[in-house]
Amino acid sequence: MLKRIFAWWDSATIGLSFTMWRTGAKLIGEDAQGNKYYEAAGKHDYADGRTRRWVVYHGVAEASRVPTEWHGWLHHTVDVPPTKEQYVPKPWEKPHLPNMTGTPLAYHPAGSLYLAGKGQEPWQDYQPWTPEGIEGELESKDVKRIEGSVAS
């Protein structure tokens, strides 16, 4: 019971469950990840006449876990849910992957500090740029400028 009150990131909270009960939400379908999709039964809550739609995540609540076929229905782009229409992905579509940021499967480019100690260190290929022939000039001008400001 306490988990349903405080653990908003893991499932439907009591507040969402109450709202769905109050609007008479009906289960529309479930995706391959176990997320469940609901729609208010016959009630048009929005000014433009649309009905409310919800997703109750199976596991961690992360919006990027909603697959393409359900995203269109959830955001009222498509009126027919994938359960009532056979969704066929386009040939150029990749399989759905949720956002992996913050997980061990997250992408880390070469040179990332996350990969330090697992190959080349990020600072090993760093070479600062210095203009040719004026290295000594720059140092002497900076010293004169500092000495001048102290004397003032």
Protein backbone atom coordinates (compact mmCIF):
# COMPACT_ATOMS: atom_id res chain seq x y z
CA MET A 1 0.00 0.00 0.00
CA LEU A 2 2.79 2.46 0.89
CA LYS A 3 4.53 1.63 -2.37
CA ARG A 4 1.43 2.70 -4.33
CA ILE A 5 1.35 6.01 -2.43
CA PHE A 6 5.00 6.97 -2.73
CA ALA A 7 6.48 4.92 -5.58
CA TRP A 8 5.21 6.98 -8.53
CA TRP A 9 8.12 5.83 -10.72
CA ASP A 10 7.26 2.13 -10.54
CA SER A 11 3.51 1.80 -11.20
CA ALA A 12 0.19 3.63 -11.04
CA THR A 13 -0.18 5.70 -7.88
CA ILE A 14 -3.37 5.85 -5.84
CA GLY A 15 -4.10 9.26 -7.39
CA LEU A 16 -3.89 7.89 -10.94
CA SER A 17 -5.90 4.81 -9.98
CA PHE A 18 -8.62 7.04 -8.50
CA THR A 19 -8.70 9.27 -11.60
CA MET A 20 -8.96 6.26 -13.87
CA TRP A 21 -11.76 4.81 -11.71
CA ARG A 22 -13.59 8.17 -11.65
CA THR A 23 -13.48 8.50 -15.45
CA GLY A 24 -14.41 4.85 -16.00
CA ALA A 25 -11.15 4.12 -17.79
CA LYS A 26 -11.08 0.90 -19.75
CA LEU A 27 -8.05 -1.15 -20.67
CA ILE A 28 -7.32 -0.75 -24.38
CA GLY A 29 -4.26 -2.93 -24.67
CA GLU A 30 -0.78 -3.91 -23.58
CA ASP A 31 2.55 -3.67 -25.40
CA ALA A 32 5.45 -6.13 -25.53
CA GLN A 33 7.11 -4.53 -22.48
CA GLY A 34 4.02 -5.00 -20.32
CA ASN A 35 2.92 -1.33 -20.32
CA LYS A 36 -0.89 -1.04 -20.15
CA TYR A 37 -2.87 1.58 -22.05
CA TYR A 38 -6.20 3.00 -20.88
CA GLU A 39 -8.83 5.41 -22.20
CA ALA A 40 -11.61 7.24 -20.35
CA ALA A 41 -14.94 5.61 -21.13
CA GLY A 42 -17.00 8.05 -23.21
CA LYS A 43 -15.95 11.16 -21.29
CA HIS A 44 -14.47 14.05 -23.23
CA ASP A 45 -12.26 15.92 -20.76
CA TYR A 46 -10.43 18.13 -23.22
CA ALA A 47 -11.91 21.30 -24.76
CA ASP A 48 -11.53 19.91 -28.28
CA GLY A 49 -13.57 16.80 -27.43
CA ARG A 50 -10.72 14.32 -27.07
CA THR A 51 -10.85 11.60 -24.41
CA ARG A 52 -8.12 11.13 -21.86
CA ARG A 53 -5.59 8.38 -22.43
CA TRP A 54 -3.04 6.94 -20.00
CA VAL A 55 -0.16 4.54 -19.90
CA VAL A 56 0.68 2.58 -16.75
CA TYR A 57 4.29 1.50 -17.07
CA HIS A 58 5.43 -1.99 -16.20
CA GLY A 59 8.49 -1.18 -14.11
CA VAL A 60 10.22 2.19 -14.17
CA ALA A 61 8.11 5.06 -15.53
CA GLU A 62 10.15 6.35 -18.47
CA ALA A 63 8.30 8.03 -21.34
CA SER A 64 10.76 6.73 -23.94
CA ARG A 65 9.57 3.19 -23.16
CA VAL A 66 6.35 3.80 -25.13
CA PRO A 67 6.78 2.05 -28.51
CA THR A 68 6.08 3.83 -31.79
CA GLU A 69 2.80 2.10 -32.47
CA TRP A 70 1.35 3.15 -29.10
CA HIS A 71 2.85 6.64 -29.10
CA GLY A 72 0.62 7.80 -31.95
CA TRP A 73 -2.52 6.53 -30.23
CA LEU A 74 -1.55 7.90 -26.81
CA HIS A 75 -1.01 11.42 -28.23
CA HIS A 76 -4.19 11.40 -30.36
CA THR A 77 -2.27 11.31 -33.65
CA VAL A 78 -4.03 8.06 -34.53
CA ASP A 79 -7.57 7.21 -33.40
CA VAL A 80 -7.32 3.44 -33.76
CA PRO A 81 -5.14 1.66 -31.16
CA PRO A 82 -2.68 -1.00 -32.35
CA THR A 83 -4.86 -3.71 -30.76
CA LYS A 84 -7.71 -2.97 -33.21
CA GLU A 85 -5.53 -2.45 -36.26
CA GLN A 86 -2.65 -4.62 -37.36
CA TYR A 87 0.38 -2.35 -37.04
CA VAL A 88 3.04 -3.09 -39.63
CA PRO A 89 6.33 -1.23 -39.09
CA LYS A 90 7.89 0.51 -42.07
CA PRO A 91 10.96 -1.24 -43.54
CA TRP A 92 13.22 1.63 -42.43
CA GLU A 93 12.04 1.53 -38.77
CA LYS A 94 14.44 0.16 -36.20
CA PRO A 95 13.23 -1.93 -33.25
CA HIS A 96 12.12 0.25 -30.34
CA LEU A 97 14.73 0.99 -27.67
CA PRO A 98 14.00 3.06 -24.57
CA ASN A 99 16.33 5.81 -23.38
CA MET A 100 19.28 4.08 -21.70
CA THR A 101 20.75 7.19 -20.04
CA GLY A 102 21.73 6.43 -16.45
CA THR A 103 21.87 2.69 -17.01
CA PRO A 104 24.87 0.43 -17.65
CA LEU A 105 23.70 0.15 -21.28
CA ALA A 106 23.99 3.91 -21.92
CA TYR A 107 26.07 5.09 -24.89
CA HIS A 108 29.50 6.49 -24.01
CA PRO A 109 31.57 7.93 -26.89
CA ALA A 110 35.30 7.34 -27.23
CA GLY A 111 37.18 9.64 -24.86
CA SER A 112 34.32 9.76 -22.35
CA LEU A 113 35.33 10.09 -18.71
CA TYR A 114 33.07 7.12 -18.03
CA LEU A 115 35.49 4.96 -20.02
CA ALA A 116 38.61 6.24 -18.19
CA GLY A 117 40.86 3.36 -17.22
CA LYS A 118 39.35 1.10 -19.89
CA GLY A 119 41.81 1.91 -22.65
CA GLN A 120 43.23 5.29 -23.62
CA GLU A 121 42.80 8.01 -21.00
CA PRO A 122 40.81 11.03 -22.28
CA TRP A 123 43.64 13.50 -21.70
CA GLN A 124 46.35 11.44 -23.44
CA ASP A 125 45.46 12.75 -26.89
CA TYR A 126 45.07 16.39 -25.78
CA GLN A 127 47.52 18.89 -27.31
CA PRO A 128 46.94 22.56 -26.45
CA TRP A 129 47.30 25.06 -29.29
CA THR A 130 49.96 27.76 -29.00
CA PRO A 131 50.74 30.33 -31.69
CA GLU A 132 54.17 29.85 -33.27
CA GLY A 133 56.98 32.26 -32.41
CA ILE A 134 55.22 34.40 -29.81
CA GLU A 135 55.28 32.16 -26.75
CA GLY A 136 57.97 34.24 -25.03
CA GLU A 137 56.30 37.54 -26.02
CA LEU A 138 53.00 36.58 -24.44
CA GLU A 139 54.63 35.67 -21.15
CA SER A 140 56.64 38.94 -20.91
CA LYS A 141 53.57 41.11 -21.79
CA ASP A 142 51.50 39.38 -19.12
CA VAL A 143 54.24 39.95 -16.50
CA LYS A 144 54.50 43.67 -17.44
CA ARG A 145 50.71 44.05 -17.29
CA ILE A 146 50.58 42.45 -13.82
CA GLU A 147 53.51 44.54 -12.56
CA GLY A 148 51.86 47.71 -13.93
CA SER A 149 48.55 47.03 -12.21
CA VAL A 150 50.27 46.39 -8.85
CA ALA A 151 52.21 49.67 -9.07
CA SER A 152 49.04 51.72 -9.75
